[in-house]
Amino acid sequence: MPHYIAIAVPTDVGEWRILIPDVPGCEARGYTVDDAKYAALTKLRQRLECELSLPPHPRDLAAIARDREWISRNNIDFSQAVIAIVPLSE
């Protein structure tokens, strides 16, 4: 089953912020990781339905962890992050 890696990090206001690194601009928030993951999944599906081209190729976690530019730009601290798998279909 095709899937994307989602990175969840806590915010200063007690929320969780989830980003999907392989889909630029795909970010969601929620008060629990599950809420944020559901919001991210909904946003991802909406985004992919609106795109006319093929979805971006998903990377594995090791490739994402090597993407220092993305990590820096999004202020990701992997010591506080929760990693989730976001399936493209149920």
N, C-alpha and C. Protein backbone atom coordinates (compact mmCIF):
# COMPACT_ATOMS: atom_id res chain seq x y z
N MET A 1 0.84 -1.17 0.00
CA MET A 1 0.00 0.00 0.00
C MET A 1 0.89 1.24 0.00
N PRO A 2 0.68 2.15 -0.93
CA PRO A 2 1.48 3.38 -0.96
C PRO A 2 1.20 4.23 0.28
N HIS A 3 2.25 4.87 0.77
CA HIS A 3 2.10 5.69 1.96
C HIS A 3 3.15 6.80 1.98
N TYR A 4 2.90 7.79 2.79
CA TYR A 4 3.85 8.85 3.05
C TYR A 4 4.24 8.80 4.53
N ILE A 5 5.42 9.32 4.82
CA ILE A 5 5.87 9.50 6.19
C ILE A 5 5.36 10.85 6.67
N ALA A 6 4.81 10.87 7.86
CA ALA A 6 4.38 12.12 8.49
C ALA A 6 5.23 12.34 9.74
N ILE A 7 5.63 13.57 9.95
CA ILE A 7 6.44 13.94 11.10
C ILE A 7 5.57 14.81 12.01
N ALA A 8 5.34 14.36 13.23
CA ALA A 8 4.54 15.11 14.19
C ALA A 8 5.47 15.69 15.25
N VAL A 9 5.33 16.98 15.49
CA VAL A 9 6.14 17.65 16.52
C VAL A 9 5.22 18.48 17.40
N PRO A 10 5.52 18.53 18.70
CA PRO A 10 4.69 19.35 19.60
C PRO A 10 4.94 20.83 19.37
N THR A 11 3.90 21.63 19.58
CA THR A 11 4.04 23.08 19.46
C THR A 11 4.12 23.70 20.85
N ASP A 12 4.42 24.97 20.89
CA ASP A 12 4.53 25.69 22.17
C ASP A 12 3.18 25.87 22.86
N VAL A 13 2.08 25.73 22.11
CA VAL A 13 0.74 25.94 22.69
C VAL A 13 0.02 24.64 23.00
N GLY A 14 0.75 23.53 22.98
CA GLY A 14 0.17 22.25 23.36
C GLY A 14 -0.48 21.46 22.24
N GLU A 15 -0.35 21.93 21.03
CA GLU A 15 -0.88 21.19 19.88
C GLU A 15 0.20 20.29 19.30
N TRP A 16 -0.21 19.47 18.35
CA TRP A 16 0.73 18.70 17.54
C TRP A 16 0.64 19.21 16.12
N ARG A 17 1.79 19.39 15.53
CA ARG A 17 1.91 19.84 14.14
C ARG A 17 2.43 18.67 13.34
N ILE A 18 1.70 18.31 12.28
CA ILE A 18 2.14 17.21 11.43
C ILE A 18 2.47 17.76 10.06
N LEU A 19 3.63 17.35 9.57
CA LEU A 19 4.06 17.73 8.23
C LEU A 19 4.30 16.46 7.42
N ILE A 20 4.00 16.53 6.16
CA ILE A 20 4.30 15.43 5.23
C ILE A 20 5.38 15.97 4.31
N PRO A 21 6.63 15.61 4.57
CA PRO A 21 7.76 16.21 3.87
C PRO A 21 7.73 16.09 2.35
N ASP A 22 7.15 15.03 1.83
CA ASP A 22 7.17 14.81 0.39
C ASP A 22 6.05 15.52 -0.35
N VAL A 23 5.18 16.20 0.37
CA VAL A 23 4.10 16.97 -0.26
C VAL A 23 4.21 18.40 0.27
N PRO A 24 4.90 19.26 -0.46
CA PRO A 24 5.14 20.62 0.02
C PRO A 24 3.85 21.32 0.43
N GLY A 25 3.92 21.96 1.58
CA GLY A 25 2.77 22.71 2.07
C GLY A 25 1.72 21.86 2.75
N CYS A 26 1.93 20.56 2.84
CA CYS A 26 0.94 19.69 3.48
C CYS A 26 1.26 19.62 4.96
N GLU A 27 0.51 20.40 5.74
CA GLU A 27 0.72 20.50 7.18
C GLU A 27 -0.64 20.58 7.85
N ALA A 28 -0.74 20.00 9.04
CA ALA A 28 -1.98 20.05 9.80
C ALA A 28 -1.65 20.12 11.28
N ARG A 29 -2.64 20.52 12.06
CA ARG A 29 -2.47 20.62 13.51
C ARG A 29 -3.65 19.97 14.22
N GLY A 30 -3.41 19.55 15.45
CA GLY A 30 -4.46 18.99 16.27
C GLY A 30 -3.99 18.94 17.71
N TYR A 31 -4.95 18.76 18.63
CA TYR A 31 -4.58 18.71 20.05
C TYR A 31 -4.04 17.36 20.47
N THR A 32 -4.25 16.33 19.64
CA THR A 32 -3.63 15.03 19.86
C THR A 32 -2.93 14.62 18.57
N VAL A 33 -2.03 13.68 18.67
CA VAL A 33 -1.36 13.18 17.47
C VAL A 33 -2.39 12.57 16.52
N ASP A 34 -3.35 11.83 17.07
CA ASP A 34 -4.37 11.22 16.21
C ASP A 34 -5.21 12.26 15.49
N ASP A 35 -5.60 13.33 16.20
CA ASP A 35 -6.37 14.40 15.55
C ASP A 35 -5.56 15.06 14.43
N ALA A 36 -4.30 15.33 14.72
CA ALA A 36 -3.44 15.97 13.72
C ALA A 36 -3.20 15.03 12.55
N LYS A 37 -3.04 13.73 12.82
CA LYS A 37 -2.82 12.77 11.74
C LYS A 37 -4.06 12.68 10.84
N TYR A 38 -5.25 12.68 11.45
CA TYR A 38 -6.49 12.65 10.66
C TYR A 38 -6.59 13.90 9.79
N ALA A 39 -6.29 15.06 10.37
CA ALA A 39 -6.34 16.31 9.61
C ALA A 39 -5.32 16.30 8.47
N ALA A 40 -4.13 15.76 8.74
CA ALA A 40 -3.10 15.68 7.70
C ALA A 40 -3.52 14.74 6.58
N LEU A 41 -4.12 13.62 6.94
CA LEU A 41 -4.59 12.66 5.94
C LEU A 41 -5.67 13.28 5.07
N THR A 42 -6.59 14.00 5.69
CA THR A 42 -7.66 14.68 4.95
C THR A 42 -7.07 15.71 3.99
N LYS A 43 -6.14 16.51 4.49
CA LYS A 43 -5.51 17.53 3.66
C LYS A 43 -4.72 16.91 2.52
N LEU A 44 -4.00 15.82 2.81
CA LEU A 44 -3.23 15.13 1.78
C LEU A 44 -4.15 14.62 0.67
N ARG A 45 -5.22 13.97 1.04
CA ARG A 45 -6.15 13.43 0.03
C ARG A 45 -6.78 14.54 -0.80
N GLN A 46 -7.16 15.64 -0.16
CA GLN A 46 -7.73 16.76 -0.89
C GLN A 46 -6.71 17.33 -1.87
N ARG A 47 -5.50 17.46 -1.40
CA ARG A 47 -4.44 18.02 -2.24
C ARG A 47 -4.16 17.13 -3.44
N LEU A 48 -4.09 15.82 -3.21
CA LEU A 48 -3.81 14.90 -4.31
C LEU A 48 -4.97 14.83 -5.30
N GLU A 49 -6.20 14.99 -4.82
CA GLU A 49 -7.36 15.00 -5.73
C GLU A 49 -7.35 16.23 -6.62
N CYS A 50 -6.85 17.35 -6.12
CA CYS A 50 -6.83 18.60 -6.88
C CYS A 50 -5.67 18.67 -7.87
N GLU A 51 -4.64 17.89 -7.63
CA GLU A 51 -3.47 17.90 -8.51
C GLU A 51 -3.78 17.16 -9.80
N LEU A 52 -3.31 17.70 -10.90
CA LEU A 52 -3.50 17.04 -12.18
C LEU A 52 -2.36 16.09 -12.51
N SER A 53 -1.23 16.28 -11.84
CA SER A 53 -0.07 15.43 -12.10
C SER A 53 -0.03 14.28 -11.10
N LEU A 54 0.93 13.39 -11.28
CA LEU A 54 1.10 12.27 -10.37
C LEU A 54 1.55 12.78 -9.00
N PRO A 55 1.18 12.07 -7.93
CA PRO A 55 1.63 12.50 -6.60
C PRO A 55 3.15 12.37 -6.48
N PRO A 56 3.74 13.18 -5.61
CA PRO A 56 5.19 13.08 -5.40
C PRO A 56 5.57 11.69 -4.91
N HIS A 57 6.74 11.24 -5.33
CA HIS A 57 7.23 9.93 -4.91
C HIS A 57 7.60 9.98 -3.42
N PRO A 58 7.04 9.08 -2.61
CA PRO A 58 7.36 9.10 -1.17
C PRO A 58 8.77 8.61 -0.89
N ARG A 59 9.44 9.28 0.05
CA ARG A 59 10.77 8.87 0.49
C ARG A 59 10.65 8.07 1.77
N ASP A 60 11.70 7.31 2.09
CA ASP A 60 11.71 6.62 3.38
C ASP A 60 12.23 7.58 4.45
N LEU A 61 12.13 7.17 5.70
CA LEU A 61 12.50 8.04 6.81
C LEU A 61 13.97 8.43 6.76
N ALA A 62 14.83 7.52 6.35
CA ALA A 62 16.27 7.83 6.28
C ALA A 62 16.54 8.98 5.30
N ALA A 63 15.85 8.96 4.16
CA ALA A 63 16.04 10.03 3.18
C ALA A 63 15.52 11.36 3.71
N ILE A 64 14.40 11.32 4.42
CA ILE A 64 13.86 12.54 5.01
C ILE A 64 14.81 13.08 6.07
N ALA A 65 15.37 12.21 6.89
CA ALA A 65 16.29 12.62 7.95
C ALA A 65 17.57 13.24 7.39
N ARG A 66 17.93 12.89 6.16
CA ARG A 66 19.12 13.48 5.52
C ARG A 66 18.82 14.82 4.86
N ASP A 67 17.57 15.19 4.76
CA ASP A 67 17.17 16.44 4.10
C ASP A 67 17.30 17.60 5.10
N ARG A 68 18.52 18.04 5.31
CA ARG A 68 18.80 19.07 6.31
C ARG A 68 18.09 20.39 6.00
N GLU A 69 17.94 20.71 4.74
CA GLU A 69 17.26 21.96 4.37
C GLU A 69 15.80 21.92 4.84
N TRP A 70 15.09 20.83 4.58
CA TRP A 70 13.69 20.70 4.99
C TRP A 70 13.59 20.72 6.52
N ILE A 71 14.48 19.99 7.19
CA ILE A 71 14.46 19.93 8.66
C ILE A 71 14.66 21.32 9.25
N SER A 72 15.62 22.06 8.73
CA SER A 72 15.91 23.40 9.23
C SER A 72 14.75 24.35 8.93
N ARG A 73 14.24 24.32 7.72
CA ARG A 73 13.16 25.22 7.31
C ARG A 73 11.90 25.01 8.16
N ASN A 74 11.66 23.77 8.59
CA ASN A 74 10.45 23.45 9.35
C ASN A 74 10.70 23.30 10.85
N ASN A 75 11.92 23.60 11.29
CA ASN A 75 12.28 23.58 12.71
C ASN A 75 11.91 22.23 13.36
N ILE A 76 12.38 21.15 12.75
CA ILE A 76 12.08 19.80 13.23
C ILE A 76 13.15 19.36 14.22
N ASP A 77 12.71 18.91 15.38
CA ASP A 77 13.59 18.32 16.39
C ASP A 77 13.18 16.85 16.51
N PHE A 78 13.95 15.97 15.90
CA PHE A 78 13.58 14.55 15.88
C PHE A 78 13.55 13.93 17.28
N SER A 79 14.21 14.57 18.27
CA SER A 79 14.16 14.02 19.63
C SER A 79 12.78 14.19 20.26
N GLN A 80 11.94 15.07 19.71
CA GLN A 80 10.59 15.28 20.21
C GLN A 80 9.52 14.83 19.21
N ALA A 81 9.93 14.33 18.08
CA ALA A 81 9.01 14.00 17.00
C ALA A 81 8.39 12.62 17.16
N VAL A 82 7.19 12.49 16.62
CA VAL A 82 6.52 11.22 16.48
C VAL A 82 6.40 10.98 14.99
N ILE A 83 6.79 9.78 14.57
CA ILE A 83 6.74 9.45 13.15
C ILE A 83 5.50 8.60 12.90
N ALA A 84 4.76 8.95 11.85
CA ALA A 84 3.54 8.21 11.52
C ALA A 84 3.55 7.86 10.04
N ILE A 85 2.85 6.81 9.71
CA ILE A 85 2.65 6.40 8.33
C ILE A 85 1.25 6.86 7.91
N VAL A 86 1.19 7.57 6.80
CA VAL A 86 -0.09 8.07 6.29
C VAL A 86 -0.38 7.33 4.98
N PRO A 87 -1.32 6.38 5.01
CA PRO A 87 -1.63 5.62 3.78
C PRO A 87 -2.39 6.49 2.79
N LEU A 88 -2.17 6.22 1.51
CA LEU A 88 -2.89 6.94 0.47
C LEU A 88 -4.29 6.39 0.25
N SER A 89 -4.53 5.19 0.67
CA SER A 89 -5.87 4.61 0.56
C SER A 89 -6.13 3.77 1.81
N GLU A 90 -7.41 3.55 2.08
CA GLU A 90 -7.76 2.78 3.27
C GLU A 90 -8.09 1.37 2.88
